[in-house]
C-alpha atoms as a PDB file:
ATOM      1  CA  MET A   1      23.815  11.505  17.874  1.00  0.00           C
ATOM      2  CA  THR A   2      20.395  10.498  17.575  1.00  0.00           C
ATOM      3  CA  SER A   3      19.186   8.886  20.824  1.00  0.00           C
ATOM      4  CA  CYS A   4      15.753   6.901  21.349  1.00  0.00           C
ATOM      5  CA  PRO A   5      12.794   9.340  22.221  1.00  0.00           C
ATOM      6  CA  LEU A   6      11.355   6.691  24.392  1.00  0.00           C
ATOM      7  CA  CYS A   7      14.351   5.330  26.407  1.00  0.00           C
ATOM      8  CA  GLU A   8      17.246   7.635  25.509  1.00  0.00           C
ATOM      9  CA  HIS A   9      19.431   4.535  24.577  1.00  0.00           C
ATOM     10  CA  THR A  10      21.931   5.724  21.867  1.00  0.00           C
ATOM     11  CA  GLN A  11      22.273   2.302  20.123  1.00  0.00           C
ATOM     12  CA  LEU A  12      20.013   2.893  17.215  1.00  0.00           C
ATOM     13  CA  MET A  13      20.364   0.462  14.351  1.00  0.00           C
ATOM     14  CA  PRO A  14      19.254   0.726  10.770  1.00  0.00           C
ATOM     15  CA  PHE A  15      15.849  -0.852  10.210  1.00  0.00           C
ATOM     16  CA  HIS A  16      14.470  -0.116   6.903  1.00  0.00           C
ATOM     17  CA  GLN A  17      14.947   2.588   4.374  1.00  0.00           C
ATOM     18  CA  ASP A  18      12.693   3.834   1.456  1.00  0.00           C
ATOM     19  CA  LYS A  19      12.823   6.464  -1.287  1.00  0.00           C
ATOM     20  CA  ARG A  20      11.658   9.138   1.396  1.00  0.00           C
ATOM     21  CA  ARG A  21      12.970   8.186   4.785  1.00  0.00           C
ATOM     22  CA  HIS A  22      15.259   6.087   7.050  1.00  0.00           C
ATOM     23  CA  TYR A  23      13.992   4.230   9.939  1.00  0.00           C
ATOM     24  CA  LEU A  24      16.050   3.090  12.938  1.00  0.00           C
ATOM     25  CA  GLU A  25      15.353   0.729  15.635  1.00  0.00           C
ATOM     26  CA  CYS A  26      16.250   1.204  19.441  1.00  0.00           C
ATOM     27  CA  GLN A  27      18.257  -1.815  20.609  1.00  0.00           C
ATOM     28  CA  GLN A  28      16.851  -1.426  24.214  1.00  0.00           C
ATOM     29  CA  CYS A  29      13.067  -0.698  23.854  1.00  0.00           C
ATOM     30  CA  HIS A  30      12.715  -1.700  20.301  1.00  0.00           C
ATOM     31  CA  LEU A  31      11.007   1.499  19.374  1.00  0.00           C
ATOM     32  CA  VAL A  32      11.252   2.170  15.474  1.00  0.00           C
ATOM     33  CA  ILE A  33      11.701   5.745  14.818  1.00  0.00           C
ATOM     34  CA  VAL A  34      11.978   8.184  11.887  1.00  0.00           C
ATOM     35  CA  PRO A  35      14.962  10.424  12.394  1.00  0.00           C
ATOM     36  CA  PRO A  36      14.251  14.195  13.039  1.00  0.00           C
ATOM     37  CA  GLU A  37      15.692  15.251   9.633  1.00  0.00           C
ATOM     38  CA  PHE A  38      12.770  13.429   7.941  1.00  0.00           C
ATOM     39  CA  HIS A  39       9.982  15.068   9.970  1.00  0.00           C
ATOM     40  CA  LEU A  40       7.472  17.396   8.370  1.00  0.00           C
ATOM     41  CA  SER A  41       7.137  20.803   9.672  1.00  0.00           C
ATOM     42  CA  ALA A  42       4.218  21.739  12.156  1.00  0.00           C
ATOM     43  CA  GLU A  43       2.505  23.486   9.221  1.00  0.00           C
ATOM     44  CA  LEU A  44       2.704  20.582   6.706  1.00  0.00           C
ATOM     45  CA  GLU A  45       1.680  18.143   9.591  1.00  0.00           C
ATOM     46  CA  LYS A  46      -1.312  20.123  10.459  1.00  0.00           C
ATOM     47  CA  ALA A  47      -2.201  20.316   6.709  1.00  0.00           C
ATOM     48  CA  GLU A  48      -2.156  16.386   6.394  1.00  0.00           C
ATOM     49  CA  TYR A  49      -4.473  16.395   9.496  1.00  0.00           C
ATOM     50  CA  ASP A  50      -6.865  18.562   7.908  1.00  0.00           C
ATOM     51  CA  LYS A  51      -7.477  16.162   5.182  1.00  0.00           C
ATOM     52  CA  HIS A  52      -8.837  13.711   7.743  1.00  0.00           C
ATOM     53  CA  GLN A  53     -12.429  15.243   8.326  1.00  0.00           C
ATOM     54  CA  ASN A  54     -13.791  12.209   9.913  1.00  0.00           C
ATOM     55  CA  ASP A  55     -17.658  12.628  10.559  1.00  0.00           C
ATOM     56  CA  PRO A  56     -18.029  11.589  14.329  1.00  0.00           C
ATOM     57  CA  CYS A  57     -21.504  10.435  13.502  1.00  0.00           C
ATOM     58  CA  ASP A  58     -20.240   8.091  10.723  1.00  0.00           C
ATOM     59  CA  LEU A  59     -21.003   4.597  11.613  1.00  0.00           C
ATOM     60  CA  GLY A  60     -18.103   3.152   9.678  1.00  0.00           C
ATOM     61  CA  TYR A  61     -15.687   5.504  11.486  1.00  0.00           C
ATOM     62  CA  GLN A  62     -17.356   4.524  14.858  1.00  0.00           C
ATOM     63  CA  GLY A  63     -17.029   0.914  13.927  1.00  0.00           C
ATOM     64  CA  PHE A  64     -13.249   1.470  13.470  1.00  0.00           C
ATOM     65  CA  LEU A  65     -12.909   2.928  16.878  1.00  0.00           C
ATOM     66  CA  GLY A  66     -15.214   0.363  18.364  1.00  0.00           C
ATOM     67  CA  ARG A  67     -12.229  -1.966  18.515  1.00  0.00           C
ATOM     68  CA  CYS A  68     -10.894   0.222  21.270  1.00  0.00           C
ATOM     69  CA  VAL A  69     -13.984   1.877  22.754  1.00  0.00           C
ATOM     70  CA  THR A  70     -16.193  -1.230  23.032  1.00  0.00           C
ATOM     71  CA  PRO A  71     -13.765  -3.140  25.208  1.00  0.00           C
ATOM     72  CA  LEU A  72     -13.133  -0.041  27.218  1.00  0.00           C
ATOM     73  CA  LEU A  73     -16.631   0.588  28.131  1.00  0.00           C
ATOM     74  CA  LYS A  74     -16.691  -2.903  29.578  1.00  0.00           C
ATOM     75  CA  ARG A  75     -14.058  -1.784  32.016  1.00  0.00           C
ATOM     76  CA  VAL A  76     -15.560   1.475  33.039  1.00  0.00           C
ATOM     77  CA  SER A  77     -18.844   2.857  34.418  1.00  0.00           C
ATOM     78  CA  SER A  78     -21.076   6.015  34.204  1.00  0.00           C
ATOM     79  CA  GLU A  79     -19.264   7.166  37.333  1.00  0.00           C
ATOM     80  CA  HIS A  80     -15.867   7.417  35.529  1.00  0.00           C
ATOM     81  CA  GLN A  81     -14.479  10.290  33.737  1.00  0.00           C
ATOM     82  CA  GLY A  82     -12.387  10.174  30.693  1.00  0.00           C
ATOM     83  CA  LEU A  83     -10.233  12.226  28.203  1.00  0.00           C
ATOM     84  CA  ASP A  84      -9.761  11.554  24.502  1.00  0.00           C
ATOM     85  CA  PHE A  85      -6.206  12.822  24.021  1.00  0.00           C
ATOM     86  CA  GLY A  86      -5.691  13.815  20.329  1.00  0.00           C
ATOM     87  CA  CYS A  87      -9.435  13.648  19.385  1.00  0.00           C
ATOM     88  CA  GLY A  88      -8.832  15.264  16.022  1.00  0.00           C
ATOM     89  CA  PRO A  89     -11.467  17.226  13.932  1.00  0.00           C
ATOM     90  CA  GLY A  90     -14.029  14.702  14.302  1.00  0.00           C
ATOM     91  CA  PRO A  91     -14.185  13.685  18.002  1.00  0.00           C
ATOM     92  CA  ALA A  92     -16.286  10.630  17.613  1.00  0.00           C
ATOM     93  CA  ILE A  93     -15.091   8.743  20.958  1.00  0.00           C
ATOM     94  CA  SER A  94     -16.704  11.407  23.376  1.00  0.00           C
ATOM     95  CA  LEU A  95     -19.899  10.834  21.343  1.00  0.00           C
ATOM     96  CA  MET A  96     -19.708   6.938  21.534  1.00  0.00           C
ATOM     97  CA  CYS A  97     -19.071   7.189  25.171  1.00  0.00           C
ATOM     98  CA  GLN A  98     -21.844   9.666  25.760  1.00  0.00           C
ATOM     99  CA  GLN A  99     -24.248   7.392  24.088  1.00  0.00           C
ATOM    100  CA  ALA A 100     -23.255   4.748  26.806  1.00  0.00           C
ATOM    101  CA  GLY A 101     -23.657   7.161  29.526  1.00  0.00           C
ATOM    102  CA  VAL A 102     -19.807   7.819  30.187  1.00  0.00           C
ATOM    103  CA  GLN A 103     -18.472  11.455  30.122  1.00  0.00           C
ATOM    104  CA  VAL A 104     -15.286  12.060  28.173  1.00  0.00           C
ATOM    105  CA  SER A 105     -13.569  15.483  27.321  1.00  0.00           C
ATOM    106  CA  ASN A 106     -11.794  16.304  24.139  1.00  0.00           C
ATOM    107  CA  TYR A 107      -8.254  17.343  23.863  1.00  0.00           C
ATOM    108  CA  ASP A 108      -6.133  18.107  20.759  1.00  0.00           C
ATOM    109  CA  LEU A 109      -3.197  20.298  20.202  1.00  0.00           C
ATOM    110  CA  TYR A 110      -4.505  21.495  16.913  1.00  0.00           C
ATOM    111  CA  TYR A 111      -8.442  21.040  17.106  1.00  0.00           C
ATOM    112  CA  ALA A 112      -9.387  21.302  20.840  1.00  0.00           C
ATOM    113  CA  ASN A 113      -6.410  22.877  22.379  1.00  0.00           C
ATOM    114  CA  LYS A 114      -7.584  23.395  26.010  1.00  0.00           C
ATOM    115  CA  PRO A 115      -4.661  23.042  28.329  1.00  0.00           C
ATOM    116  CA  GLU A 116      -6.886  23.291  31.403  1.00  0.00           C
ATOM    117  CA  LEU A 117      -7.928  19.765  30.684  1.00  0.00           C
ATOM    118  CA  LEU A 118      -4.220  18.480  30.992  1.00  0.00           C
ATOM    119  CA  LYS A 119      -4.313  19.777  34.876  1.00  0.00           C
ATOM    120  CA  ARG A 120      -6.791  17.272  35.712  1.00  0.00           C
ATOM    121  CA  GLN A 121      -6.755  13.446  36.444  1.00  0.00           C
ATOM    122  CA  TYR A 122      -9.168  11.000  34.807  1.00  0.00           C
ATOM    123  CA  ASP A 123     -10.269   7.391  35.187  1.00  0.00           C
ATOM    124  CA  PHE A 124      -9.294   6.491  31.565  1.00  0.00           C
ATOM    125  CA  VAL A 125      -7.351   8.172  28.634  1.00  0.00           C
ATOM    126  CA  THR A 126      -8.033   7.101  25.106  1.00  0.00           C
ATOM    127  CA  MET A 127      -5.397   7.797  22.425  1.00  0.00           C
ATOM    128  CA  THR A 128      -6.541   6.351  19.064  1.00  0.00           C
ATOM    129  CA  GLU A 129      -4.121   6.713  16.157  1.00  0.00           C
ATOM    130  CA  VAL A 130      -2.151   9.317  17.911  1.00  0.00           C
ATOM    131  CA  ILE A 131       0.976   7.863  19.589  1.00  0.00           C
ATOM    132  CA  GLU A 132       2.638   7.061  16.225  1.00  0.00           C
ATOM    133  CA  HIS A 133       2.733  10.924  15.438  1.00  0.00           C
ATOM    134  CA  VAL A 134       4.375  12.185  18.498  1.00  0.00           C
ATOM    135  CA  TYR A 135       8.228  11.763  18.549  1.00  0.00           C
ATOM    136  CA  GLN A 136       8.947  12.796  22.174  1.00  0.00           C
ATOM    137  CA  ALA A 137       7.556   9.504  23.352  1.00  0.00           C
ATOM    138  CA  HIS A 138       8.844   9.498  26.824  1.00  0.00           C
ATOM    139  CA  SER A 139       7.663  13.039  27.675  1.00  0.00           C
ATOM    140  CA  LEU A 140       4.153  12.143  26.192  1.00  0.00           C
ATOM    141  CA  LEU A 141       3.914   8.934  28.270  1.00  0.00           C
ATOM    142  CA  THR A 142       4.986  10.718  31.502  1.00  0.00           C
ATOM    143  CA  SER A 143       2.205  13.218  30.697  1.00  0.00           C
ATOM    144  CA  LEU A 144      -0.235  10.526  30.315  1.00  0.00           C
ATOM    145  CA  ASP A 145       0.733   8.925  33.408  1.00  0.00           C
ATOM    146  CA  SER A 146      -0.029  11.997  35.358  1.00  0.00           C
ATOM    147  CA  LEU A 147      -3.386  12.352  33.953  1.00  0.00           C
ATOM    148  CA  LEU A 148      -4.384   9.014  35.112  1.00  0.00           C
ATOM    149  CA  ARG A 149      -5.892   8.415  38.580  1.00  0.00           C
ATOM    150  CA  PRO A 150      -4.710   5.211  40.460  1.00  0.00           C
ATOM    151  CA  ASN A 151      -6.084   2.088  38.508  1.00  0.00           C
ATOM    152  CA  GLY A 152      -6.732   4.303  35.604  1.00  0.00           C
ATOM    153  CA  ILE A 153      -6.739   2.902  31.966  1.00  0.00           C
ATOM    154  CA  LEU A 154      -4.791   4.177  29.107  1.00  0.00           C
ATOM    155  CA  ALA A 155      -6.317   2.743  25.824  1.00  0.00           C
ATOM    156  CA  VAL A 156      -4.000   2.946  22.944  1.00  0.00           C
ATOM    157  CA  MET A 157      -4.874   2.268  19.393  1.00  0.00           C
ATOM    158  CA  THR A 158      -2.089   2.040  16.976  1.00  0.00           C
ATOM    159  CA  LYS A 159      -0.703  -0.486  14.281  1.00  0.00           C
ATOM    160  CA  ARG A 160       2.125  -2.453  15.611  1.00  0.00           C
ATOM    161  CA  VAL A 161       5.407  -3.381  14.068  1.00  0.00           C
ATOM    162  CA  GLN A 162       5.929  -7.042  13.380  1.00  0.00           C
ATOM    163  CA  ASP A 163       9.263  -7.659  11.805  1.00  0.00           C
ATOM    164  CA  LYS A 164      11.629  -6.064   9.218  1.00  0.00           C
ATOM    165  CA  GLN A 165       9.973  -8.218   6.234  1.00  0.00           C
ATOM    166  CA  ALA A 166       6.479  -7.070   7.105  1.00  0.00           C
ATOM    167  CA  PHE A 167       7.516  -3.449   7.721  1.00  0.00           C
ATOM    168  CA  ALA A 168       9.056  -3.236   4.282  1.00  0.00           C
ATOM    169  CA  ASN A 169       5.559  -3.737   2.724  1.00  0.00           C
ATOM    170  CA  TRP A 170       3.697  -1.929   5.408  1.00  0.00           C
ATOM    171  CA  HIS A 171       1.300   0.855   4.177  1.00  0.00           C
ATOM    172  CA  TYR A 172       1.208   2.471   7.575  1.00  0.00           C
ATOM    173  CA  LYS A 173       4.790   3.577   7.497  1.00  0.00           C
ATOM    174  CA  ASN A 174       3.872   5.593   4.161  1.00  0.00           C
ATOM    175  CA  ASP A 175       2.159   8.303   6.053  1.00  0.00           C
ATOM    176  CA  MET A 176       4.578  10.984   6.600  1.00  0.00           C
ATOM    177  CA  THR A 177       3.085  11.976   9.776  1.00  0.00           C
ATOM    178  CA  HIS A 178       3.828   8.508  11.237  1.00  0.00           C
ATOM    179  CA  ILE A 179       7.264   8.957  12.798  1.00  0.00           C
ATOM    180  CA  VAL A 180       7.406   6.531  15.762  1.00  0.00           C
ATOM    181  CA  PHE A 181       6.291   2.826  15.380  1.00  0.00           C
ATOM    182  CA  TYR A 182       5.462   0.515  18.502  1.00  0.00           C
ATOM    183  CA  SER A 183       5.694  -3.271  18.899  1.00  0.00           C
ATOM    184  CA  ILE A 184       4.556  -5.535  21.606  1.00  0.00           C
ATOM    185  CA  ALA A 185       8.091  -5.717  22.859  1.00  0.00           C
ATOM    186  CA  THR A 186       8.135  -1.728  23.046  1.00  0.00           C
ATOM    187  CA  PHE A 187       4.769  -1.857  24.992  1.00  0.00           C
ATOM    188  CA  GLN A 188       6.121  -4.375  27.410  1.00  0.00           C
ATOM    189  CA  TRP A 189       9.107  -2.019  28.004  1.00  0.00           C
ATOM    190  CA  ILE A 190       6.778   0.794  28.463  1.00  0.00           C
ATOM    191  CA  ALA A 191       4.717  -1.271  30.931  1.00  0.00           C
ATOM    192  CA  GLU A 192       7.674  -2.159  33.069  1.00  0.00           C
ATOM    193  CA  ARG A 193       9.114   1.290  32.931  1.00  0.00           C
ATOM    194  CA  PHE A 194       5.959   3.035  34.132  1.00  0.00           C
ATOM    195  CA  ASN A 195       4.748   0.354  36.539  1.00  0.00           C
ATOM    196  CA  TRP A 196       1.703  -0.274  34.467  1.00  0.00           C
ATOM    197  CA  ARG A 197       0.243  -3.582  33.532  1.00  0.00           C
ATOM    198  CA  LEU A 198      -0.283  -4.404  29.753  1.00  0.00           C
ATOM    199  CA  GLU A 199      -3.243  -5.812  28.421  1.00  0.00           C
ATOM    200  CA  VAL A 200      -3.215  -6.695  24.669  1.00  0.00           C
ATOM    201  CA  ILE A 201      -6.751  -6.198  23.214  1.00  0.00           C
ATOM    202  CA  ASP A 202      -6.669  -6.463  19.563  1.00  0.00           C
ATOM    203  CA  LYS A 203      -4.211  -6.366  16.736  1.00  0.00           C
ATOM    204  CA  ASP A 204      -3.884  -2.569  17.011  1.00  0.00           C
ATOM    205  CA  VAL A 205      -5.197  -2.066  20.478  1.00  0.00           C
ATOM    206  CA  VAL A 206      -3.543  -2.149  23.825  1.00  0.00           C
ATOM    207  CA  PHE A 207      -4.655  -1.142  27.453  1.00  0.00           C
ATOM    208  CA  PHE A 208      -2.228   0.015  30.048  1.00  0.00           C
ATOM    209  CA  HIS A 209      -3.526  -0.093  33.620  1.00  0.00           C
ATOM    210  CA  LYS A 210      -1.896   2.248  36.198  1.00  0.00           C
ATOM    211  CA  ASN A 211      -1.000   0.246  39.389  1.00  0.00           C
END
């Protein structure tokens, strides 16, 4: 039986189905998931990521990430240290923060696999367009919690589930590497579970503040 990778609840109800995959919704935390039998292999997943060769100096790409980075920089100072978790092949956030005088290290399973960075703590962690790719949601968030110092900020950028009707026509679900989908209700559950304070920043950006 498939259980929710976030809250481990076993009551998962059909949410949507298309020609390629099924989607289930957890009745406890409201996470929408793609069951494991529809996941890509690690090799095929990496091949998809390799297509996203974003130039960190591209102003358009920086503008996209700015919806997360700009409000974050208003909440941190040059004395703070950050980690871009899942920086991808074009690590723009560290460059953007560096230009503002804030130091950010880059970690990525495929493109900047430096495990020693995961043994430290940070004043903030960014995770832009990453969380929807990671099926083991509870394990991921537990690891991120351990990376944050007290009063640290976890900045998450991902498009959010609205309702079944909107989901049916949602382009975001068509990326085969997107296997978990979050809503405000799910983020509220996470905040309560981890004793974080949720701050909704933008239509696809939320900040969690570690108490």
